[in-house]
C-alpha atoms as a PDB file:
ATOM      1  CA  MET A   1    -107.477  94.808  92.872  1.00  0.00           C
ATOM      2  CA  SER A   2    -111.120  95.008  91.715  1.00  0.00           C
ATOM      3  CA  TYR A   3    -112.179  93.954  95.237  1.00  0.00           C
ATOM      4  CA  ARG A   4    -109.847  96.290  97.101  1.00  0.00           C
ATOM      5  CA  LEU A   5    -110.797  99.479  95.238  1.00  0.00           C
ATOM      6  CA  PRO A   6    -114.468  99.616  96.401  1.00  0.00           C
ATOM      7  CA  VAL A   7    -113.390  98.720  99.944  1.00  0.00           C
ATOM      8  CA  LEU A   8    -110.710 101.431  99.932  1.00  0.00           C
ATOM      9  CA  LYS A   9    -113.205 103.953  98.556  1.00  0.00           C
ATOM     10  CA  HIS A  10    -115.650 103.243 101.386  1.00  0.00           C
ATOM     11  CA  ARG A  11    -112.853 103.388 103.960  1.00  0.00           C
ATOM     12  CA  LEU A  12    -111.577 106.728 102.658  1.00  0.00           C
ATOM     13  CA  THR A  13    -115.135 108.095 102.817  1.00  0.00           C
ATOM     14  CA  PHE A  14    -116.331 106.650 106.107  1.00  0.00           C
ATOM     15  CA  GLY A  15    -112.948 106.610 107.887  1.00  0.00           C
ATOM     16  CA  PRO A  16    -112.492 110.400 108.172  1.00  0.00           C
ATOM     17  CA  LEU A  17    -116.090 110.772 109.415  1.00  0.00           C
ATOM     18  CA  LEU A  18    -115.399 108.151 112.075  1.00  0.00           C
ATOM     19  CA  ILE A  19    -112.186 109.933 113.100  1.00  0.00           C
ATOM     20  CA  ILE A  20    -114.015 113.265 113.411  1.00  0.00           C
ATOM     21  CA  LEU A  21    -116.737 111.647 115.527  1.00  0.00           C
ATOM     22  CA  ILE A  22    -114.146 110.050 117.825  1.00  0.00           C
ATOM     23  CA  ALA A  23    -112.289 113.361 118.177  1.00  0.00           C
ATOM     24  CA  VAL A  24    -115.497 115.226 119.085  1.00  0.00           C
ATOM     25  CA  LEU A  25    -116.505 112.596 121.645  1.00  0.00           C
ATOM     26  CA  ALA A  26    -113.000 112.649 123.150  1.00  0.00           C
ATOM     27  CA  TRP A  27    -113.067 116.445 123.411  1.00  0.00           C
ATOM     28  CA  VAL A  28    -116.474 116.348 125.116  1.00  0.00           C
ATOM     29  CA  ASP A  29    -115.238 113.637 127.480  1.00  0.00           C
ATOM     30  CA  ALA A  30    -112.166 115.681 128.406  1.00  0.00           C
ATOM     31  CA  TRP A  31    -114.305 118.795 128.897  1.00  0.00           C
ATOM     32  CA  LEU A  32    -116.805 117.029 131.168  1.00  0.00           C
ATOM     33  CA  ASP A  33    -114.027 115.588 133.322  1.00  0.00           C
ATOM     34  CA  GLY A  34    -114.124 117.765 136.422  1.00  0.00           C
ATOM     35  CA  VAL A  35    -117.185 119.852 135.456  1.00  0.00           C
ATOM     36  CA  ASN A  36    -119.587 120.391 138.342  1.00  0.00           C
ATOM     37  CA  ALA A  37    -122.353 117.805 138.221  1.00  0.00           C
ATOM     38  CA  PRO A  38    -126.057 118.618 138.751  1.00  0.00           C
ATOM     39  CA  SER A  39    -127.465 118.380 142.257  1.00  0.00           C
ATOM     40  CA  GLY A  40    -128.397 114.839 143.217  1.00  0.00           C
ATOM     41  CA  PHE A  41    -125.471 113.374 141.236  1.00  0.00           C
ATOM     42  CA  PRO A  42    -123.415 110.827 143.245  1.00  0.00           C
ATOM     43  CA  ASN A  43    -120.284 112.996 142.967  1.00  0.00           C
ATOM     44  CA  GLU A  44    -119.668 116.738 142.959  1.00  0.00           C
ATOM     45  CA  THR A  45    -118.104 116.524 139.498  1.00  0.00           C
ATOM     46  CA  PHE A  46    -118.650 114.274 136.500  1.00  0.00           C
ATOM     47  CA  PRO A  47    -116.424 111.180 136.617  1.00  0.00           C
ATOM     48  CA  PRO A  48    -113.907 110.416 133.836  1.00  0.00           C
ATOM     49  CA  GLY A  49    -115.332 108.618 130.818  1.00  0.00           C
ATOM     50  CA  MET A  50    -118.815 110.140 130.532  1.00  0.00           C
ATOM     51  CA  THR A  51    -118.801 109.687 126.750  1.00  0.00           C
ATOM     52  CA  VAL A  52    -116.281 106.829 126.617  1.00  0.00           C
ATOM     53  CA  LEU A  53    -118.421 104.410 128.631  1.00  0.00           C
ATOM     54  CA  PRO A  54    -121.574 104.718 126.447  1.00  0.00           C
ATOM     55  CA  VAL A  55    -119.464 104.283 123.301  1.00  0.00           C
ATOM     56  CA  PHE A  56    -117.840 101.130 124.625  1.00  0.00           C
ATOM     57  CA  MET A  57    -121.205  99.823 125.813  1.00  0.00           C
ATOM     58  CA  LEU A  58    -122.463 100.224 122.244  1.00  0.00           C
ATOM     59  CA  LEU A  59    -119.341  98.484 120.900  1.00  0.00           C
ATOM     60  CA  SER A  60    -119.870  95.648 123.382  1.00  0.00           C
ATOM     61  CA  VAL A  61    -123.503  95.226 122.350  1.00  0.00           C
ATOM     62  CA  MET A  62    -122.727  95.194 118.625  1.00  0.00           C
ATOM     63  CA  GLY A  63    -119.595  93.098 119.009  1.00  0.00           C
ATOM     64  CA  SER A  64    -121.324  90.495 121.200  1.00  0.00           C
ATOM     65  CA  ARG A  65    -124.093  90.271 118.638  1.00  0.00           C
ATOM     66  CA  GLU A  66    -121.575  89.655 115.853  1.00  0.00           C
ATOM     67  CA  VAL A  67    -119.617  87.008 117.784  1.00  0.00           C
ATOM     68  CA  ALA A  68    -122.882  85.205 118.570  1.00  0.00           C
ATOM     69  CA  ARG A  69    -123.671  85.280 114.852  1.00  0.00           C
ATOM     70  CA  ILE A  70    -120.321  83.620 114.100  1.00  0.00           C
ATOM     71  CA  PHE A  71    -121.074  80.897 116.645  1.00  0.00           C
ATOM     72  CA  ARG A  72    -124.517  80.274 115.128  1.00  0.00           C
ATOM     73  CA  ALA A  73    -122.933  79.979 111.675  1.00  0.00           C
ATOM     74  CA  LYS A  74    -120.827  77.203 113.193  1.00  0.00           C
ATOM     75  CA  GLY A  75    -123.928  75.496 114.562  1.00  0.00           C
ATOM     76  CA  VAL A  76    -123.494  76.708 118.161  1.00  0.00           C
ATOM     77  CA  GLU A  77    -126.846  78.239 119.071  1.00  0.00           C
ATOM     78  CA  ILE A  78    -126.062  81.278 121.204  1.00  0.00           C
ATOM     79  CA  GLY A  79    -128.850  83.841 121.164  1.00  0.00           C
ATOM     80  CA  THR A  80    -128.208  87.525 120.663  1.00  0.00           C
ATOM     81  CA  GLY A  81    -129.803  88.455 123.993  1.00  0.00           C
ATOM     82  CA  ILE A  82    -127.632  86.208 126.157  1.00  0.00           C
ATOM     83  CA  ALA A  83    -124.514  87.282 124.225  1.00  0.00           C
ATOM     84  CA  ILE A  84    -125.224  90.981 124.821  1.00  0.00           C
ATOM     85  CA  THR A  85    -126.009  90.348 128.496  1.00  0.00           C
ATOM     86  CA  VAL A  86    -122.735  88.575 129.321  1.00  0.00           C
ATOM     87  CA  GLY A  87    -120.737  91.053 127.242  1.00  0.00           C
ATOM     88  CA  LEU A  88    -122.179  94.028 129.132  1.00  0.00           C
ATOM     89  CA  LEU A  89    -121.667  92.182 132.421  1.00  0.00           C
ATOM     90  CA  GLY A  90    -117.930  92.010 131.788  1.00  0.00           C
ATOM     91  CA  LEU A  91    -117.797  95.661 130.749  1.00  0.00           C
ATOM     92  CA  ALA A  92    -119.789  96.717 133.824  1.00  0.00           C
ATOM     93  CA  VAL A  93    -117.413  94.950 136.191  1.00  0.00           C
ATOM     94  CA  ILE A  94    -114.510  96.961 134.781  1.00  0.00           C
ATOM     95  CA  ALA A  95    -116.426 100.238 134.608  1.00  0.00           C
ATOM     96  CA  PHE A  96    -118.181 100.239 137.976  1.00  0.00           C
ATOM     97  CA  THR A  97    -115.718  98.616 140.370  1.00  0.00           C
ATOM     98  CA  PRO A  98    -115.042 101.418 142.915  1.00  0.00           C
ATOM     99  CA  GLU A  99    -111.798 103.295 142.380  1.00  0.00           C
ATOM    100  CA  ASP A 100    -110.825 102.830 146.023  1.00  0.00           C
ATOM    101  CA  ALA A 101    -111.223  99.036 145.838  1.00  0.00           C
ATOM    102  CA  SER A 102    -108.041  97.190 146.784  1.00  0.00           C
ATOM    103  CA  GLY A 103    -106.182  95.117 144.226  1.00  0.00           C
ATOM    104  CA  THR A 104    -107.552  91.956 145.820  1.00  0.00           C
ATOM    105  CA  SER A 105    -111.133  93.249 145.650  1.00  0.00           C
ATOM    106  CA  GLY A 106    -110.786  94.255 142.017  1.00  0.00           C
ATOM    107  CA  PHE A 107    -109.352  90.868 141.129  1.00  0.00           C
ATOM    108  CA  ALA A 108    -112.171  89.142 143.024  1.00  0.00           C
ATOM    109  CA  ALA A 109    -114.765  91.218 141.154  1.00  0.00           C
ATOM    110  CA  GLY A 110    -113.346  90.110 137.800  1.00  0.00           C
ATOM    111  CA  ILE A 111    -113.202  86.442 138.810  1.00  0.00           C
ATOM    112  CA  THR A 112    -116.748  86.628 140.195  1.00  0.00           C
ATOM    113  CA  SER A 113    -118.043  87.973 136.898  1.00  0.00           C
ATOM    114  CA  VAL A 114    -116.375  85.066 135.073  1.00  0.00           C
ATOM    115  CA  VAL A 115    -118.019  82.599 137.478  1.00  0.00           C
ATOM    116  CA  VAL A 116    -121.409  84.259 136.979  1.00  0.00           C
ATOM    117  CA  ALA A 117    -120.984  84.186 133.185  1.00  0.00           C
ATOM    118  CA  PHE A 118    -119.975  80.505 133.388  1.00  0.00           C
ATOM    119  CA  ILE A 119    -123.087  79.631 135.400  1.00  0.00           C
ATOM    120  CA  VAL A 120    -125.332  81.674 133.112  1.00  0.00           C
ATOM    121  CA  GLY A 121    -123.782  79.998 130.071  1.00  0.00           C
ATOM    122  CA  MET A 122    -124.277  76.485 131.398  1.00  0.00           C
ATOM    123  CA  LEU A 123    -127.871  77.191 132.447  1.00  0.00           C
ATOM    124  CA  TYR A 124    -128.541  78.679 129.027  1.00  0.00           C
ATOM    125  CA  ALA A 125    -126.990  75.624 127.360  1.00  0.00           C
ATOM    126  CA  VAL A 126    -129.386  73.231 129.077  1.00  0.00           C
ATOM    127  CA  ARG A 127    -132.478  75.441 128.858  1.00  0.00           C
ATOM    128  CA  SER A 128    -134.178  72.832 126.642  1.00  0.00           C
ATOM    129  CA  LYS A 129    -133.317  70.032 129.090  1.00  0.00           C
ATOM    130  CA  GLN A 130    -130.838  68.527 126.625  1.00  0.00           C
ATOM    131  CA  VAL A 131    -127.137  67.968 127.202  1.00  0.00           C
ATOM    132  CA  GLU A 132    -126.060  67.894 123.555  1.00  0.00           C
ATOM    133  CA  GLY A 133    -123.992  70.942 122.654  1.00  0.00           C
ATOM    134  CA  ALA A 134    -123.706  72.166 126.264  1.00  0.00           C
ATOM    135  CA  ILE A 135    -119.909  72.367 126.157  1.00  0.00           C
ATOM    136  CA  ALA A 136    -119.863  74.451 122.966  1.00  0.00           C
ATOM    137  CA  VAL A 137    -122.645  76.816 124.064  1.00  0.00           C
ATOM    138  CA  GLY A 138    -121.301  77.279 127.594  1.00  0.00           C
ATOM    139  CA  SER A 139    -117.768  77.898 126.316  1.00  0.00           C
ATOM    140  CA  GLY A 140    -119.024  80.330 123.690  1.00  0.00           C
ATOM    141  CA  VAL A 141    -120.954  82.370 126.249  1.00  0.00           C
ATOM    142  CA  LEU A 142    -117.863  82.528 128.473  1.00  0.00           C
ATOM    143  CA  LEU A 143    -115.693  83.612 125.519  1.00  0.00           C
ATOM    144  CA  ILE A 144    -118.083  86.466 124.683  1.00  0.00           C
ATOM    145  CA  HIS A 145    -118.019  87.596 128.322  1.00  0.00           C
ATOM    146  CA  VAL A 146    -114.221  87.825 128.306  1.00  0.00           C
ATOM    147  CA  TYR A 147    -113.761  88.951 124.694  1.00  0.00           C
ATOM    148  CA  MET A 148    -116.475  91.590 124.383  1.00  0.00           C
ATOM    149  CA  GLY A 149    -116.700  92.422 128.072  1.00  0.00           C
ATOM    150  CA  LEU A 150    -113.601  92.225 130.243  1.00  0.00           C
ATOM    151  CA  MET A 151    -110.996  92.749 127.511  1.00  0.00           C
ATOM    152  CA  LEU A 152    -112.886  95.556 125.800  1.00  0.00           C
ATOM    153  CA  GLY A 153    -113.588  97.109 129.198  1.00  0.00           C
ATOM    154  CA  LEU A 154    -109.891  97.582 129.883  1.00  0.00           C
ATOM    155  CA  PHE A 155    -110.039 100.677 127.676  1.00  0.00           C
ATOM    156  CA  VAL A 156    -112.674 102.083 130.034  1.00  0.00           C
ATOM    157  CA  LEU A 157    -110.293 101.364 132.923  1.00  0.00           C
ATOM    158  CA  ILE A 158    -107.470 103.117 131.067  1.00  0.00           C
ATOM    159  CA  ARG A 159    -109.734 106.142 130.677  1.00  0.00           C
ATOM    160  CA  ARG A 160    -110.636 106.076 134.366  1.00  0.00           C
ATOM    161  CA  GLU A 161    -106.973 106.279 135.346  1.00  0.00           C
ATOM    162  CA  HIS A 162    -105.571 108.461 132.542  1.00  0.00           C
ATOM    163  CA  SER A 163    -106.503 111.305 130.232  1.00  0.00           C
ATOM    164  CA  VAL A 164    -108.891 110.445 127.420  1.00  0.00           C
ATOM    165  CA  TRP A 165    -106.130 111.534 125.028  1.00  0.00           C
ATOM    166  CA  VAL A 166    -103.907 108.733 126.350  1.00  0.00           C
ATOM    167  CA  MET A 167    -106.624 106.254 125.394  1.00  0.00           C
ATOM    168  CA  ILE A 168    -106.967 107.872 121.955  1.00  0.00           C
ATOM    169  CA  TRP A 169    -103.168 107.681 121.565  1.00  0.00           C
ATOM    170  CA  ILE A 170    -103.211 103.931 122.207  1.00  0.00           C
ATOM    171  CA  LEU A 171    -106.073 103.371 119.755  1.00  0.00           C
ATOM    172  CA  ALA A 172    -104.345 105.489 117.098  1.00  0.00           C
ATOM    173  CA  THR A 173    -101.125 103.514 117.585  1.00  0.00           C
ATOM    174  CA  VAL A 174    -102.979 100.224 117.113  1.00  0.00           C
ATOM    175  CA  LYS A 175    -104.873 101.279 114.013  1.00  0.00           C
ATOM    176  CA  SER A 176    -101.824 102.936 112.448  1.00  0.00           C
ATOM    177  CA  CYS A 177    -100.293  99.466 112.203  1.00  0.00           C
ATOM    178  CA  ASP A 178    -103.295  98.313 110.158  1.00  0.00           C
ATOM    179  CA  ILE A 179    -102.829 101.286 107.826  1.00  0.00           C
ATOM    180  CA  GLY A 180     -99.062 100.835 107.531  1.00  0.00           C
ATOM    181  CA  ALA A 181     -99.414  97.104 106.952  1.00  0.00           C
ATOM    182  CA  PHE A 182    -102.060  97.618 104.263  1.00  0.00           C
ATOM    183  CA  PHE A 183    -100.078 100.095 102.189  1.00  0.00           C
ATOM    184  CA  THR A 184     -96.695  98.412 102.713  1.00  0.00           C
ATOM    185  CA  GLY A 185     -98.135  95.017 101.883  1.00  0.00           C
ATOM    186  CA  THR A 186     -99.874  96.398  98.802  1.00  0.00           C
ATOM    187  CA  ALA A 187     -96.695  98.103  97.579  1.00  0.00           C
ATOM    188  CA  ILE A 188     -93.963  95.543  98.261  1.00  0.00           C
ATOM    189  CA  GLY A 189     -95.587  92.556  99.956  1.00  0.00           C
ATOM    190  CA  LYS A 190     -94.375  89.272  98.439  1.00  0.00           C
ATOM    191  CA  HIS A 191     -93.920  86.761 101.235  1.00  0.00           C
ATOM    192  CA  LYS A 192     -97.198  85.456 102.628  1.00  0.00           C
ATOM    193  CA  MET A 193     -97.308  85.342 106.414  1.00  0.00           C
ATOM    194  CA  ILE A 194    -100.128  82.862 107.155  1.00  0.00           C
ATOM    195  CA  PRO A 195    -101.791  82.047 103.824  1.00  0.00           C
ATOM    196  CA  TRP A 196    -104.081  79.395 105.293  1.00  0.00           C
ATOM    197  CA  LEU A 197    -105.596  81.926 107.696  1.00  0.00           C
ATOM    198  CA  SER A 198    -105.137  85.381 106.161  1.00  0.00           C
ATOM    199  CA  PRO A 199    -104.027  85.114 102.516  1.00  0.00           C
ATOM    200  CA  LYS A 200    -103.474  88.854 102.038  1.00  0.00           C
ATOM    201  CA  LYS A 201    -101.135  89.412 104.984  1.00  0.00           C
ATOM    202  CA  THR A 202     -97.418  89.477 104.222  1.00  0.00           C
ATOM    203  CA  TRP A 203     -94.274  89.673 106.315  1.00  0.00           C
ATOM    204  CA  GLU A 204     -93.358  92.912 104.561  1.00  0.00           C
ATOM    205  CA  GLY A 205     -96.750  94.348 105.491  1.00  0.00           C
ATOM    206  CA  LEU A 206     -96.309  93.289 109.115  1.00  0.00           C
ATOM    207  CA  ALA A 207     -92.882  94.930 109.278  1.00  0.00           C
ATOM    208  CA  GLY A 208     -94.182  98.143 107.706  1.00  0.00           C
ATOM    209  CA  GLY A 209     -97.146  98.191 110.062  1.00  0.00           C
ATOM    210  CA  MET A 210     -95.022  97.700 113.185  1.00  0.00           C
ATOM    211  CA  VAL A 211     -92.610 100.431 112.122  1.00  0.00           C
ATOM    212  CA  THR A 212     -95.563 102.739 111.512  1.00  0.00           C
ATOM    213  CA  SER A 213     -97.102 102.009 114.908  1.00  0.00           C
ATOM    214  CA  GLY A 214     -93.728 102.547 116.584  1.00  0.00           C
ATOM    215  CA  LEU A 215     -93.367 105.978 114.986  1.00  0.00           C
ATOM    216  CA  VAL A 216     -96.974 106.911 115.771  1.00  0.00           C
ATOM    217  CA  GLY A 217     -96.496 105.721 119.342  1.00  0.00           C
ATOM    218  CA  MET A 218     -93.432 107.940 119.773  1.00  0.00           C
ATOM    219  CA  GLY A 219     -95.009 110.885 117.960  1.00  0.00           C
ATOM    220  CA  GLY A 220     -98.196 110.596 119.989  1.00  0.00           C
ATOM    221  CA  ALA A 221     -96.234 110.508 123.243  1.00  0.00           C
ATOM    222  CA  TRP A 222     -94.405 113.668 122.161  1.00  0.00           C
ATOM    223  CA  LEU A 223     -97.722 115.424 121.541  1.00  0.00           C
ATOM    224  CA  LEU A 224     -99.036 114.292 124.924  1.00  0.00           C
ATOM    225  CA  HIS A 225     -95.899 115.641 126.610  1.00  0.00           C
ATOM    226  CA  ARG A 226     -96.238 118.936 124.773  1.00  0.00           C
ATOM    227  CA  SER A 227     -99.857 119.159 125.973  1.00  0.00           C
ATOM    228  CA  GLY A 228     -98.830 118.622 129.593  1.00  0.00           C
ATOM    229  CA  ILE A 229    -100.286 115.110 129.773  1.00  0.00           C
ATOM    230  CA  ASP A 230     -98.315 112.355 131.479  1.00  0.00           C
ATOM    231  CA  ALA A 231     -97.192 109.584 129.121  1.00  0.00           C
ATOM    232  CA  PRO A 232     -94.270 107.142 128.856  1.00  0.00           C
ATOM    233  CA  SER A 233     -90.935 108.491 127.633  1.00  0.00           C
ATOM    234  CA  LEU A 234     -90.337 108.723 123.886  1.00  0.00           C
ATOM    235  CA  ALA A 235     -87.982 105.713 123.910  1.00  0.00           C
ATOM    236  CA  VAL A 236     -90.471 103.585 125.841  1.00  0.00           C
ATOM    237  CA  SER A 237     -93.295 104.768 123.570  1.00  0.00           C
ATOM    238  CA  LEU A 238     -91.350 103.772 120.464  1.00  0.00           C
ATOM    239  CA  VAL A 239     -90.827 100.220 121.748  1.00  0.00           C
ATOM    240  CA  MET A 240     -94.360 100.150 123.115  1.00  0.00           C
ATOM    241  CA  GLY A 241     -95.741 101.177 119.718  1.00  0.00           C
ATOM    242  CA  VAL A 242     -93.865  98.422 117.893  1.00  0.00           C
ATOM    243  CA  ILE A 243     -95.143  95.792 120.330  1.00  0.00           C
ATOM    244  CA  ILE A 244     -98.662  97.211 120.151  1.00  0.00           C
ATOM    245  CA  GLY A 245     -98.527  96.886 116.376  1.00  0.00           C
ATOM    246  CA  GLY A 246     -97.553  93.216 116.622  1.00  0.00           C
ATOM    247  CA  LEU A 247    -100.179  92.445 119.260  1.00  0.00           C
ATOM    248  CA  GLY A 248    -102.808  94.227 117.208  1.00  0.00           C
ATOM    249  CA  GLN A 249    -102.038  92.023 114.218  1.00  0.00           C
ATOM    250  CA  CYS A 250    -102.324  88.971 116.494  1.00  0.00           C
ATOM    251  CA  GLY A 251    -105.750  90.227 117.562  1.00  0.00           C
ATOM    252  CA  ASP A 252    -106.742  90.622 113.920  1.00  0.00           C
ATOM    253  CA  LEU A 253    -105.605  87.072 113.194  1.00  0.00           C
ATOM    254  CA  ALA A 254    -107.510  85.744 116.214  1.00  0.00           C
ATOM    255  CA  ALA A 255    -110.711  87.323 114.901  1.00  0.00           C
ATOM    256  CA  SER A 256    -109.947  85.920 111.424  1.00  0.00           C
ATOM    257  CA  LEU A 257    -109.665  82.472 112.991  1.00  0.00           C
ATOM    258  CA  LEU A 258    -113.131  82.811 114.514  1.00  0.00           C
ATOM    259  CA  LYS A 259    -114.644  84.086 111.265  1.00  0.00           C
ATOM    260  CA  ARG A 260    -113.024  81.430 109.080  1.00  0.00           C
ATOM    261  CA  ASP A 261    -114.065  78.649 111.417  1.00  0.00           C
ATOM    262  CA  GLY A 262    -117.600  80.035 111.310  1.00  0.00           C
ATOM    263  CA  GLY A 263    -117.450  80.356 107.517  1.00  0.00           C
ATOM    264  CA  VAL A 264    -118.156  84.105 107.444  1.00  0.00           C
ATOM    265  CA  LYS A 265    -116.080  86.696 105.618  1.00  0.00           C
ATOM    266  CA  ASP A 266    -116.889  89.732 107.744  1.00  0.00           C
ATOM    267  CA  SER A 267    -118.354  89.837 111.228  1.00  0.00           C
ATOM    268  CA  GLY A 268    -121.069  92.207 109.990  1.00  0.00           C
ATOM    269  CA  SER A 269    -121.873  95.099 107.671  1.00  0.00           C
ATOM    270  CA  SER A 270    -122.644  97.913 110.096  1.00  0.00           C
ATOM    271  CA  LEU A 271    -119.551  99.958 109.151  1.00  0.00           C
ATOM    272  CA  PRO A 272    -119.215 100.642 105.389  1.00  0.00           C
ATOM    273  CA  GLY A 273    -115.816  99.615 104.069  1.00  0.00           C
ATOM    274  CA  PHE A 274    -114.792  98.015 107.352  1.00  0.00           C
ATOM    275  CA  GLY A 275    -117.342  95.266 107.926  1.00  0.00           C
ATOM    276  CA  GLY A 276    -118.652  94.889 111.430  1.00  0.00           C
ATOM    277  CA  VAL A 277    -117.635  96.221 114.820  1.00  0.00           C
ATOM    278  CA  LEU A 278    -115.493  93.139 115.463  1.00  0.00           C
ATOM    279  CA  ASP A 279    -113.495  93.979 112.332  1.00  0.00           C
ATOM    280  CA  ILE A 280    -112.651  97.328 113.964  1.00  0.00           C
ATOM    281  CA  VAL A 281    -112.019  96.331 117.590  1.00  0.00           C
ATOM    282  CA  ASP A 282    -110.311  92.967 117.014  1.00  0.00           C
ATOM    283  CA  SER A 283    -106.808  94.474 117.116  1.00  0.00           C
ATOM    284  CA  PRO A 284    -107.305  96.938 120.025  1.00  0.00           C
ATOM    285  CA  ILE A 285    -108.891  94.257 122.221  1.00  0.00           C
ATOM    286  CA  LEU A 286    -105.703  92.209 122.422  1.00  0.00           C
ATOM    287  CA  VAL A 287    -103.622  95.343 122.965  1.00  0.00           C
ATOM    288  CA  ALA A 288    -105.650  96.647 125.918  1.00  0.00           C
ATOM    289  CA  PRO A 289    -104.115  94.483 128.693  1.00  0.00           C
ATOM    290  CA  PHE A 290    -100.563  95.195 127.514  1.00  0.00           C
ATOM    291  CA  ALA A 291    -101.192  98.926 127.221  1.00  0.00           C
ATOM    292  CA  TYR A 292    -102.787  99.090 130.659  1.00  0.00           C
ATOM    293  CA  TRP A 293     -99.853  97.415 132.394  1.00  0.00           C
ATOM    294  CA  VAL A 294     -97.214  99.419 130.523  1.00  0.00           C
ATOM    295  CA  LEU A 295     -98.946 102.637 131.571  1.00  0.00           C
ATOM    296  CA  GLN A 296     -99.230 101.359 135.133  1.00  0.00           C
ATOM    297  CA  VAL A 297     -95.585 100.296 135.396  1.00  0.00           C
ATOM    298  CA  THR A 298     -94.148 103.397 133.723  1.00  0.00           C
ATOM    299  CA  GLN A 299     -96.292 105.616 135.932  1.00  0.00           C
ATOM    300  CA  ASP A 300     -95.199 103.796 139.096  1.00  0.00           C
ATOM    301  CA  MET A 301     -91.537 103.893 138.052  1.00  0.00           C
ATOM    302  CA  GLY A 302     -91.677 107.453 136.784  1.00  0.00           C
ATOM    303  CA  VAL A 303     -90.497 106.406 133.299  1.00  0.00           C
ATOM    304  CA  GLY A 304     -92.102 109.328 131.524  1.00  0.00           C
ATOM    305  CA  SER A 305     -92.985 112.916 132.115  1.00  0.00           C
ATOM    306  CA  THR A 306     -94.408 116.021 130.556  1.00  0.00           C
ATOM    307  CA  LEU A 307     -92.128 118.335 128.677  1.00  0.00           C
ATOM    308  CA  GLY A 308     -93.612 121.368 130.369  1.00  0.00           C
END
């Protein structure tokens, strides 16, 4: 309890400020979408994601830096520069692939970026003309490319194809599970879920978190409908929210696995009360592919609407 109180205090102080900042950036992004661009701009209007892309680029830079730090703590020497480069490469592929590219072309672009990251990683691993540790370094560079690049970049793709408020809805649904799990686990948590990996997580906390994310998912969809923004139906959003909560916890556990193997408690200290950027984005990262495909399928099938 003595450890949790200072952490909770910092979270209650810094958390609302972070929420306000996100809300302001989202509002600006929504406002810029469709505004006439200055002369000389590639398009007549600003494209979707004018504030989202820079934010996710910053998250990729900081997250790649933190993952590289975890690898170095494990004895795998991956420099900060190469980590940031391959992370941004993955994000750029998602962000700048032309909207009119066919499905095959988009898939090829993603695979090409993985091949490039693989080559860069292997060349970086043998930069000192030594083969020892090449497998670990090359694999680590490739993981950063996928983890802090392609997977994180899926949120940029979601923003390109949907309202910024849909993206915010997904992020809120993910993080609501963390909040629900924390308070439920603190209040009634007794049965440890995976004590050898995350001693504080309980099955009761997981259940409370998934219920919370389900309700937030449904409530958020209702608000989107009321605002005239396309979103999945309330029933689909409820189920979607529950699954998102579970996937988010899996993402949190995956990051915990990396940190524990590297012998570090937090990925960083850039966010007071939360740790590092990885401690914030670990759950949304694993949710992004699922959320993207659910939105795609429900949109194609017409399973959702606005309430007018």
